[in-house]
Protein backbone atom coordinates (compact mmCIF):
# COMPACT_ATOMS: atom_id res chain seq x y z
CA MET A 1 -26.06 31.37 -19.42
CA ASP A 2 -22.69 30.65 -21.04
CA ASP A 3 -22.57 27.88 -23.62
CA LEU A 4 -19.99 25.30 -22.50
CA ASN A 5 -19.55 24.31 -26.13
CA ASP A 6 -17.94 27.70 -26.76
CA TYR A 7 -15.45 26.94 -23.99
CA PHE A 8 -14.76 23.59 -25.60
CA TYR A 9 -14.23 25.07 -29.08
CA PHE A 10 -11.95 27.81 -27.74
CA ALA A 11 -9.85 25.29 -25.77
CA ALA A 12 -9.61 23.03 -28.84
CA VAL A 13 -8.40 25.92 -31.02
CA VAL A 14 -5.72 26.90 -28.48
CA SER A 15 -4.52 23.34 -27.85
CA SER A 16 -4.40 22.66 -31.61
CA GLY A 17 -2.44 25.83 -32.29
CA GLY A 18 -4.92 27.37 -34.72
CA PHE A 19 -8.35 27.25 -36.30
CA ALA A 20 -7.35 25.13 -39.29
CA SER A 21 -5.77 22.41 -37.17
CA ALA A 22 -8.72 22.37 -34.73
CA SER A 23 -11.12 22.19 -37.68
CA ARG A 24 -9.40 19.07 -39.01
CA THR A 25 -9.29 17.44 -35.55
CA LEU A 26 -12.91 18.14 -34.67
CA LYS A 27 -14.21 17.78 -38.24
CA ILE A 28 -16.02 21.10 -37.84
CA PRO A 29 -15.87 23.91 -40.43
CA ARG A 30 -13.24 26.52 -39.65
CA SER A 31 -15.83 29.27 -40.10
CA LYS A 32 -18.00 27.78 -37.36
CA LEU A 33 -15.07 27.63 -34.92
CA SER A 34 -14.17 31.25 -35.69
CA ARG A 35 -17.77 32.32 -35.20
CA ARG A 36 -18.10 30.51 -31.85
CA VAL A 37 -14.82 31.92 -30.51
CA SER A 38 -15.82 35.43 -31.60
CA ARG A 39 -19.14 35.02 -29.82
CA LEU A 40 -17.31 33.96 -26.66
CA GLU A 41 -15.02 37.01 -26.87
CA ASP A 42 -18.05 39.29 -27.31
CA CYS A 43 -19.69 37.69 -24.28
CA LEU A 44 -16.55 38.17 -22.17
CA GLY A 45 -15.80 41.61 -23.58
CA THR A 46 -12.14 40.89 -24.28
CA ARG A 47 -9.91 39.54 -27.04
CA LEU A 48 -8.72 36.00 -26.34
CA ILE A 49 -6.91 35.31 -29.61
CA GLU A 50 -5.11 37.69 -31.94
CA ARG A 51 -5.48 36.32 -35.44
CA SER A 52 -5.04 37.30 -39.05
CA THR A 53 -4.55 35.41 -42.28
CA ARG A 54 -0.91 34.78 -41.33
CA HIS A 55 -0.70 35.03 -37.55
CA PHE A 56 -2.26 33.27 -34.57
CA ARG A 57 -1.45 34.35 -31.01
CA VAL A 58 -3.23 33.70 -27.73
CA THR A 59 -3.39 36.85 -25.61
CA GLU A 60 -2.21 36.87 -22.00
CA ILE A 61 -5.79 36.90 -20.69
CA GLY A 62 -6.65 34.27 -23.30
CA GLN A 63 -3.95 31.94 -21.96
CA ALA A 64 -5.21 32.35 -18.39
CA PHE A 65 -8.78 31.77 -19.58
CA TYR A 66 -7.67 28.66 -21.53
CA GLU A 67 -6.17 27.10 -18.40
CA GLN A 68 -9.41 27.63 -16.51
CA CYS A 69 -11.37 26.22 -19.45
CA GLN A 70 -9.31 23.03 -19.20
CA THR A 71 -10.25 22.71 -15.53
CA ILE A 72 -13.94 23.34 -16.27
CA LEU A 73 -14.00 20.75 -19.04
CA ARG A 74 -12.27 18.14 -16.86
CA GLU A 75 -14.82 18.71 -14.08
CA THR A 76 -17.63 18.47 -16.64
CA ASP A 77 -16.32 15.07 -17.77
CA ARG A 78 -16.05 13.99 -14.14
CA ALA A 79 -19.65 15.03 -13.49
CA LYS A 80 -20.78 13.00 -16.49
CA SER A 81 -18.84 9.97 -15.27
CA ILE A 82 -20.61 10.14 -11.91
CA VAL A 83 -23.96 9.88 -13.65
CA THR A 84 -22.71 7.11 -15.95
CA GLU A 85 -21.38 5.08 -13.01
CA ALA A 86 -24.60 5.56 -11.06
CA GLN A 87 -26.60 4.32 -14.02
CA SER A 88 -24.39 1.34 -14.73
CA ASP A 89 -25.02 -2.00 -13.09
CA PRO A 90 -22.18 -2.72 -10.60
CA GLN A 91 -20.47 -5.94 -11.58
CA GLY A 92 -17.15 -7.74 -11.49
CA ILE A 93 -14.74 -8.93 -8.80
CA VAL A 94 -14.03 -6.89 -5.66
CA ARG A 95 -11.08 -7.88 -3.47
CA MET A 96 -11.44 -6.77 0.15
CA GLY A 97 -8.82 -7.14 2.87
CA CYS A 98 -10.12 -7.61 6.40
CA PRO A 99 -8.85 -8.60 9.89
CA LEU A 100 -9.74 -12.22 10.58
CA GLY A 101 -11.69 -11.47 13.74
CA LEU A 102 -14.04 -9.11 11.95
CA ILE A 103 -14.88 -11.72 9.33
CA ASP A 104 -15.99 -14.12 12.06
CA ILE A 105 -17.90 -11.65 14.18
CA SER A 106 -19.14 -8.66 12.18
CA LEU A 107 -18.67 -8.37 8.44
CA GLY A 108 -19.49 -11.99 7.70
CA ALA A 109 -23.02 -11.34 8.94
CA VAL A 110 -23.85 -8.44 6.59
CA LEU A 111 -22.03 -9.40 3.39
CA PRO A 112 -24.68 -11.89 2.19
CA GLU A 113 -27.13 -8.97 2.00
CA PHE A 114 -24.63 -7.06 -0.14
CA LEU A 115 -24.25 -9.99 -2.55
CA GLU A 116 -28.01 -10.37 -2.76
CA ARG A 117 -28.40 -6.67 -3.52
CA TYR A 118 -25.73 -6.80 -6.26
CA PRO A 119 -26.01 -10.22 -7.94
CA LYS A 120 -23.39 -9.43 -10.61
CA ILE A 121 -20.63 -8.71 -8.05
CA LYS A 122 -18.20 -11.41 -6.94
CA LEU A 123 -16.53 -10.72 -3.58
CA GLN A 124 -13.12 -12.04 -2.58
CA ILE A 125 -12.23 -11.55 1.11
CA ILE A 126 -8.55 -11.72 2.00
CA GLY A 127 -8.33 -12.33 5.74
CA SER A 128 -5.17 -11.07 7.38
CA ASP A 129 -4.13 -9.39 10.61
CA ARG A 130 -1.45 -7.36 8.84
CA ARG A 131 -1.89 -4.27 6.71
CA THR A 132 -1.72 -5.26 3.08
CA ASP A 133 -0.07 -3.40 0.23
CA LEU A 134 -3.22 -2.38 -1.63
CA ILE A 135 -1.56 -1.81 -5.00
CA ASN A 136 0.88 -4.72 -5.15
CA GLU A 137 -1.59 -7.20 -3.66
CA ARG A 138 -4.46 -5.93 -5.85
CA ILE A 139 -6.71 -5.09 -2.90
CA ASP A 140 -9.57 -2.77 -3.87
CA VAL A 141 -10.54 -1.83 -0.32
CA GLU A 142 -9.37 -2.87 3.14
CA VAL A 143 -10.90 -2.73 6.60
CA ARG A 144 -8.41 -1.52 9.18
CA ALA A 145 -8.49 -0.81 12.89
CA ALA A 146 -6.22 1.53 14.79
CA SER A 147 -6.13 3.65 17.91
CA GLU A 148 -4.16 6.28 15.96
CA PRO A 149 -5.35 8.03 12.76
CA GLU A 150 -4.19 6.74 9.38
CA THR A 151 -1.02 8.57 8.32
CA GLN A 152 -0.63 7.34 4.73
CA THR A 153 -1.64 10.41 2.75
CA SER A 154 -1.78 8.38 -0.47
CA LEU A 155 -4.85 6.51 0.83
CA THR A 156 -8.46 7.62 1.07
CA MET A 157 -10.36 6.73 4.26
CA ARG A 158 -14.01 6.20 5.23
CA LYS A 159 -14.81 5.70 8.91
CA LEU A 160 -16.86 2.77 10.23
CA ASP A 161 -17.45 1.82 13.89
CA ARG A 162 -15.37 2.38 17.00
CA ALA A 163 -14.72 -0.51 19.39
CA ARG A 164 -12.66 -1.59 22.38
CA ARG A 165 -11.69 -4.94 23.89
CA ILE A 166 -12.66 -5.92 27.41
CA LEU A 167 -11.57 -8.67 29.78
CA VAL A 168 -14.06 -11.51 30.16
CA ALA A 169 -14.25 -15.02 31.59
CA SER A 170 -16.85 -17.71 32.26
CA PRO A 171 -18.46 -17.77 35.72
CA SER A 172 -17.01 -21.27 36.21
CA LEU A 173 -13.46 -20.01 35.63
CA VAL A 174 -13.95 -17.11 38.03
CA GLU A 175 -15.29 -19.50 40.67
CA ARG A 176 -12.39 -21.89 40.13
CA MET A 177 -9.64 -19.26 40.08
CA GLY A 178 -11.16 -16.74 42.47
CA GLU A 179 -11.43 -13.01 41.84
CA LEU A 180 -8.33 -11.42 40.33
CA GLY A 181 -6.83 -8.94 42.78
CA CYS A 182 -5.17 -6.69 40.20
CA VAL A 183 -4.37 -6.57 36.51
CA ASP A 184 -0.88 -8.01 37.08
CA ASP A 185 -2.51 -11.30 38.19
CA LEU A 186 -3.34 -11.97 34.54
CA GLY A 187 0.32 -12.76 33.98
CA ASN A 188 -0.06 -16.03 35.89
CA ALA A 189 -3.63 -16.82 34.83
CA PRO A 190 -4.82 -18.99 31.92
CA THR A 191 -5.50 -16.68 28.99
CA LEU A 192 -6.74 -16.80 25.41
CA ALA A 193 -5.09 -14.85 22.61
CA MET A 194 -6.32 -14.19 19.08
CA THR A 195 -2.86 -14.15 17.52
CA THR A 196 -0.28 -16.59 16.22
CA TRP A 197 1.68 -18.49 18.86
CA MET A 198 4.77 -17.03 20.49
CA SER A 199 6.54 -17.66 23.79
CA PHE A 200 5.00 -14.62 25.48
CA HIS A 201 2.12 -12.36 24.52
CA THR A 202 1.27 -8.88 25.72
CA TRP A 203 -1.98 -7.02 26.34
CA GLU A 204 -1.87 -3.24 26.44
CA LEU A 205 -4.59 -2.05 28.83
CA VAL A 206 -5.88 1.28 30.09
CA GLY A 207 -7.27 1.54 33.60
CA PRO A 208 -8.53 4.10 36.09
CA ASP A 209 -7.44 7.71 35.43
CA GLY A 210 -5.84 6.66 32.15
CA GLU A 211 -3.23 4.44 33.81
CA LYS A 212 -1.59 2.14 31.27
CA LYS A 213 -0.34 -1.39 31.82
CA VAL A 214 1.36 -3.91 29.57
CA VAL A 215 0.48 -7.40 30.74
CA ARG A 216 2.84 -10.20 29.72
CA HIS A 217 1.15 -13.60 29.65
CA GLN A 218 1.37 -17.13 28.22
CA PRO A 219 -1.96 -18.12 26.64
CA ARG A 220 -3.36 -21.61 26.95
CA LEU A 221 -4.93 -21.12 23.53
CA THR A 222 -3.86 -18.97 20.60
CA CYS A 223 -6.13 -18.86 17.59
CA ARG A 224 -6.87 -16.37 14.82
CA SER A 225 -10.60 -17.12 14.95
CA MET A 226 -12.74 -14.91 17.19
CA THR A 227 -15.46 -17.58 17.22
CA ALA A 228 -13.04 -20.18 18.59
CA ILE A 229 -11.74 -17.77 21.24
CA LEU A 230 -15.31 -17.02 22.35
CA ASP A 231 -16.15 -20.73 22.55
CA ALA A 232 -13.06 -21.33 24.69
CA ALA A 233 -13.92 -18.42 26.97
CA ARG A 234 -17.48 -19.74 27.48
CA ALA A 235 -16.05 -23.18 28.28
CA GLY A 236 -13.84 -21.75 31.02
CA VAL A 237 -10.52 -22.40 29.29
CA GLY A 238 -9.12 -18.96 30.08
CA TYR A 239 -9.53 -15.20 30.33
CA GLY A 240 -10.10 -13.42 27.04
CA LEU A 241 -9.55 -9.87 25.82
CA ILE A 242 -12.45 -9.66 23.38
CA LEU A 243 -14.22 -7.00 21.34
CA GLU A 244 -16.95 -5.57 23.54
CA HIS A 245 -19.72 -5.90 20.98
CA ALA A 246 -18.71 -9.51 20.25
CA CYS A 247 -19.30 -10.66 23.83
CA ALA A 248 -22.11 -8.25 24.80
CA GLN A 249 -24.87 -10.86 24.43
CA ASP A 250 -22.87 -13.44 26.40
CA ILE A 251 -22.48 -10.96 29.26
CA ARG A 252 -26.20 -10.17 29.23
CA SER A 253 -27.07 -13.87 29.30
CA GLY A 254 -24.55 -14.66 32.04
CA ARG A 255 -22.41 -17.00 29.96
CA LEU A 256 -19.50 -14.58 30.40
CA VAL A 257 -18.72 -11.97 33.05
CA ARG A 258 -16.46 -8.95 32.92
CA VAL A 259 -13.20 -9.29 34.81
CA LEU A 260 -11.38 -6.24 36.19
CA PRO A 261 -14.06 -4.02 34.57
CA GLU A 262 -12.04 -0.85 35.12
CA TRP A 263 -9.45 -2.14 32.63
CA GLN A 264 -9.82 -2.34 28.84
CA THR A 265 -7.95 -1.51 25.65
CA VAL A 266 -7.85 1.93 24.07
CA GLU A 267 -10.85 2.42 21.80
CA SER A 268 -9.97 1.69 18.18
CA GLN A 269 -11.45 3.18 15.02
CA PHE A 270 -12.46 0.80 12.25
CA TYR A 271 -12.28 2.31 8.79
CA LEU A 272 -12.07 1.50 5.11
CA VAL A 273 -9.02 2.47 3.09
CA PHE A 274 -8.61 2.55 -0.69
CA THR A 275 -6.21 4.19 -3.08
CA THR A 276 -8.44 6.81 -4.71
CA ALA A 277 -12.07 7.63 -5.35
CA LYS A 278 -11.33 8.90 -8.87
CA GLY A 279 -12.12 6.32 -11.51
CA MET A 280 -13.26 3.79 -8.90
CA PRO A 281 -15.17 0.84 -10.40
CA PRO A 282 -18.90 0.95 -9.55
CA ALA A 283 -18.67 -2.43 -7.80
CA VAL A 284 -16.02 -1.16 -5.36
CA ARG A 285 -17.98 2.03 -4.75
CA ALA A 286 -21.09 -0.06 -4.06
CA LEU A 287 -19.27 -2.12 -1.41
CA ILE A 288 -17.82 0.94 0.32
CA ASP A 289 -21.18 2.73 0.39
CA PHE A 290 -22.90 -0.43 1.66
CA LEU A 291 -20.49 -0.91 4.59
CA VAL A 292 -20.67 2.78 5.55
CA GLU A 293 -24.47 2.56 5.43
CA LYS A 294 -24.53 -0.51 7.69
CA SER A 295 -22.06 1.09 10.08
CA LYS A 296 -24.25 4.20 10.43
CA GLN A 297 -27.19 1.94 11.22
CA ASN A 298 -25.05 0.03 13.77
CA GLN A 299 -25.91 -3.14 11.87
CA ILE A 300 -22.32 -4.33 11.62
CA VAL A 301 -21.95 -4.31 15.40
CA ALA A 302 -25.42 -5.73 15.98
CA ALA A 303 -24.96 -8.52 13.48
CA GLY A 304 -21.61 -9.42 14.99
CA ALA A 305 -23.07 -9.60 18.48
CA ALA A 306 -25.91 -11.83 17.27
CA ILE A 307 -23.52 -14.26 15.58
CA ALA A 308 -21.24 -14.37 18.61
CA ALA A 309 -24.18 -15.33 20.81
CA GLU A 310 -25.17 -18.37 18.71
């Protein structure tokens, strides 16, 4: 098997421009460097460096080999760093951006386990319904949801769960208002919206055979808390367009019923985004791996449903 040290010594000689300079830099006798490079040439069966007492020249094949040596040595350092990071104790502050509704319903339920598992990590959650600028706002990782794939090629992505929103209401509201005849009736019905207030709100829905409708409505309640929206829906304040897993237990228990069940939103993909995996602090890597693990076990969805039912 080739000795990687020979690759290292050869690359050092080339990058230093000669044996004498490399000897001074590495604090290794020049004779040892010459011997190791000669051994490498014998192993490869070709001359990599033309040298004499006055001249030093890297051959054409030697230059090509040097460039590959640089790649090999970089990958060797990267492999070592993986082991070092795995052996180190994750610690420090991790800043995570997250949609407000997910904090209430899903992620808030599993994060205490993460903090218990890694007692030296401090977690800062920045709740926002807009996409943050990860670099300028110093966000290590962000949870995002979209019906279309992420297009920012500068970001790295790890997938979590998929989810859709469905129309629900309390049985008392349905009895009071009567059955809705069609999706357009929502425009004149009391609704609940998990956004900031504006004069009119819209819901983009998909129905039978992929038919799409944009429903314009004026909510009786707008709030950025999913828990508050659920409480209002259970109390009969209005119709809600709510994450399916967040209201699943309420539907099973009869506290909420589906309305216009053939209509819902397009399914969205939840995923984690971060700038790069290279040089990532162990604490950030630990959080990403933890959330992906919980997503694969469906524990994020399950925990969110359990909290919503309380």
